[in-house]
Amino acid sequence: MAEFANKYKNIELEVIRNNDERLKL
């Protein structure tokens, strides 16, 4: 369960990073 939570958190951070990159364009 903790492993799943960490994986989900990583995906969430990736999405936020992608959104930041898009806003810079």
PDB file of N, CA and C in Angstrom:
ATOM      1  N   MET A   1       0.843  -1.211   0.000  1.00  0.00           N
ATOM      2  CA  MET A   1       0.000   0.000   0.000  1.00  0.00           C
ATOM      3  C   MET A   1       0.876   1.258   0.000  1.00  0.00           C
ATOM      4  N   ALA A   2       1.904   1.254   0.839  1.00  0.00           N
ATOM      5  CA  ALA A   2       2.812   2.408   0.886  1.00  0.00           C
ATOM      6  C   ALA A   2       3.516   2.576  -0.459  1.00  0.00           C
ATOM      7  N   GLU A   3       3.855   1.439  -1.086  1.00  0.00           N
ATOM      8  CA  GLU A   3       4.523   1.478  -2.388  1.00  0.00           C
ATOM      9  C   GLU A   3       3.619   2.144  -3.420  1.00  0.00           C
ATOM     10  N   PHE A   4       2.347   1.813  -3.385  1.00  0.00           N
ATOM     11  CA  PHE A   4       1.378   2.410  -4.315  1.00  0.00           C
ATOM     12  C   PHE A   4       1.267   3.912  -4.070  1.00  0.00           C
ATOM     13  N   ALA A   5       1.247   4.309  -2.803  1.00  0.00           N
ATOM     14  CA  ALA A   5       1.140   5.730  -2.455  1.00  0.00           C
ATOM     15  C   ALA A   5       2.350   6.496  -2.978  1.00  0.00           C
ATOM     16  N   ASN A   6       3.531   5.910  -2.830  1.00  0.00           N
ATOM     17  CA  ASN A   6       4.743   6.563  -3.331  1.00  0.00           C
ATOM     18  C   ASN A   6       4.697   6.690  -4.839  1.00  0.00           C
ATOM     19  N   LYS A   7       4.239   5.641  -5.522  1.00  0.00           N
ATOM     20  CA  LYS A   7       4.156   5.664  -6.989  1.00  0.00           C
ATOM     21  C   LYS A   7       3.180   6.744  -7.432  1.00  0.00           C
ATOM     22  N   TYR A   8       2.050   6.833  -6.744  1.00  0.00           N
ATOM     23  CA  TYR A   8       1.036   7.834  -7.087  1.00  0.00           C
ATOM     24  C   TYR A   8       1.582   9.237  -6.867  1.00  0.00           C
ATOM     25  N   LYS A   9       2.324   9.420  -5.772  1.00  0.00           N
ATOM     26  CA  LYS A   9       2.897  10.729  -5.452  1.00  0.00           C
ATOM     27  C   LYS A   9       3.894  11.132  -6.533  1.00  0.00           C
ATOM     28  N   ASN A  10       4.699  10.176  -6.993  1.00  0.00           N
ATOM     29  CA  ASN A  10       5.667  10.456  -8.055  1.00  0.00           C
ATOM     30  C   ASN A  10       4.963  10.867  -9.336  1.00  0.00           C
ATOM     31  N   ILE A  11       3.871  10.188  -9.673  1.00  0.00           N
ATOM     32  CA  ILE A  11       3.102  10.523 -10.877  1.00  0.00           C
ATOM     33  C   ILE A  11       2.537  11.930 -10.742  1.00  0.00           C
ATOM     34  N   GLU A  12       2.036  12.245  -9.558  1.00  0.00           N
ATOM     35  CA  GLU A  12       1.459  13.569  -9.304  1.00  0.00           C
ATOM     36  C   GLU A  12       2.519  14.655  -9.486  1.00  0.00           C
ATOM     37  N   LEU A  13       3.725  14.406  -8.962  1.00  0.00           N
ATOM     38  CA  LEU A  13       4.817  15.378  -9.103  1.00  0.00           C
ATOM     39  C   LEU A  13       5.193  15.545 -10.567  1.00  0.00           C
ATOM     40  N   GLU A  14       5.181  14.434 -11.328  1.00  0.00           N
ATOM     41  CA  GLU A  14       5.505  14.497 -12.755  1.00  0.00           C
ATOM     42  C   GLU A  14       4.485  15.351 -13.493  1.00  0.00           C
ATOM     43  N   VAL A  15       3.219  15.174 -13.169  1.00  0.00           N
ATOM     44  CA  VAL A  15       2.151  15.950 -13.815  1.00  0.00           C
ATOM     45  C   VAL A  15       2.330  17.434 -13.514  1.00  0.00           C
ATOM     46  N   ILE A  16       2.622  17.751 -12.253  1.00  0.00           N
ATOM     47  CA  ILE A  16       2.827  19.156 -11.864  1.00  0.00           C
ATOM     48  C   ILE A  16       4.004  19.734 -12.637  1.00  0.00           C
ATOM     49  N   ARG A  17       5.087  18.954 -12.768  1.00  0.00           N
ATOM     50  CA  ARG A  17       6.271  19.401 -13.490  1.00  0.00           C
ATOM     51  C   ARG A  17       5.926  19.653 -14.950  1.00  0.00           C
ATOM     52  N   ASN A  18       5.147  18.751 -15.535  1.00  0.00           N
ATOM     53  CA  ASN A  18       4.743  18.908 -16.938  1.00  0.00           C
ATOM     54  C   ASN A  18       3.895  20.160 -17.115  1.00  0.00           C
ATOM     55  N   ASN A  19       3.015  20.431 -16.163  1.00  0.00           N
ATOM     56  CA  ASN A  19       2.174  21.628 -16.233  1.00  0.00           C
ATOM     57  C   ASN A  19       3.035  22.880 -16.156  1.00  0.00           C
ATOM     58  N   ASP A  20       4.055  22.865 -15.296  1.00  0.00           N
ATOM     59  CA  ASP A  20       4.963  24.011 -15.175  1.00  0.00           C
ATOM     60  C   ASP A  20       5.689  24.246 -16.492  1.00  0.00           C
ATOM     61  N   GLU A  21       6.149  23.169 -17.125  1.00  0.00           N
ATOM     62  CA  GLU A  21       6.855  23.293 -18.405  1.00  0.00           C
ATOM     63  C   GLU A  21       5.939  23.902 -19.454  1.00  0.00           C
ATOM     64  N   ARG A  22       4.680  23.480 -19.450  1.00  0.00           N
ATOM     65  CA  ARG A  22       3.712  23.966 -20.431  1.00  0.00           C
ATOM     66  C   ARG A  22       3.443  25.463 -20.216  1.00  0.00           C
ATOM     67  N   LEU A  23       3.383  25.880 -18.961  1.00  0.00           N
ATOM     68  CA  LEU A  23       3.109  27.289 -18.657  1.00  0.00           C
ATOM     69  C   LEU A  23       4.262  28.185 -19.112  1.00  0.00           C
ATOM     70  N   LYS A  24       5.490  27.648 -19.102  1.00  0.00           N
ATOM     71  CA  LYS A  24       6.658  28.428 -19.519  1.00  0.00           C
ATOM     72  C   LYS A  24       6.643  28.711 -21.013  1.00  0.00           C
ATOM     73  N   LEU A  25       6.036  27.806 -21.786  1.00  0.00           N
ATOM     74  CA  LEU A  25       6.045  27.971 -23.248  1.00  0.00           C
ATOM     75  C   LEU A  25       5.232  29.182 -23.683  1.00  0.00           C
TER      76      LEU A  25
END
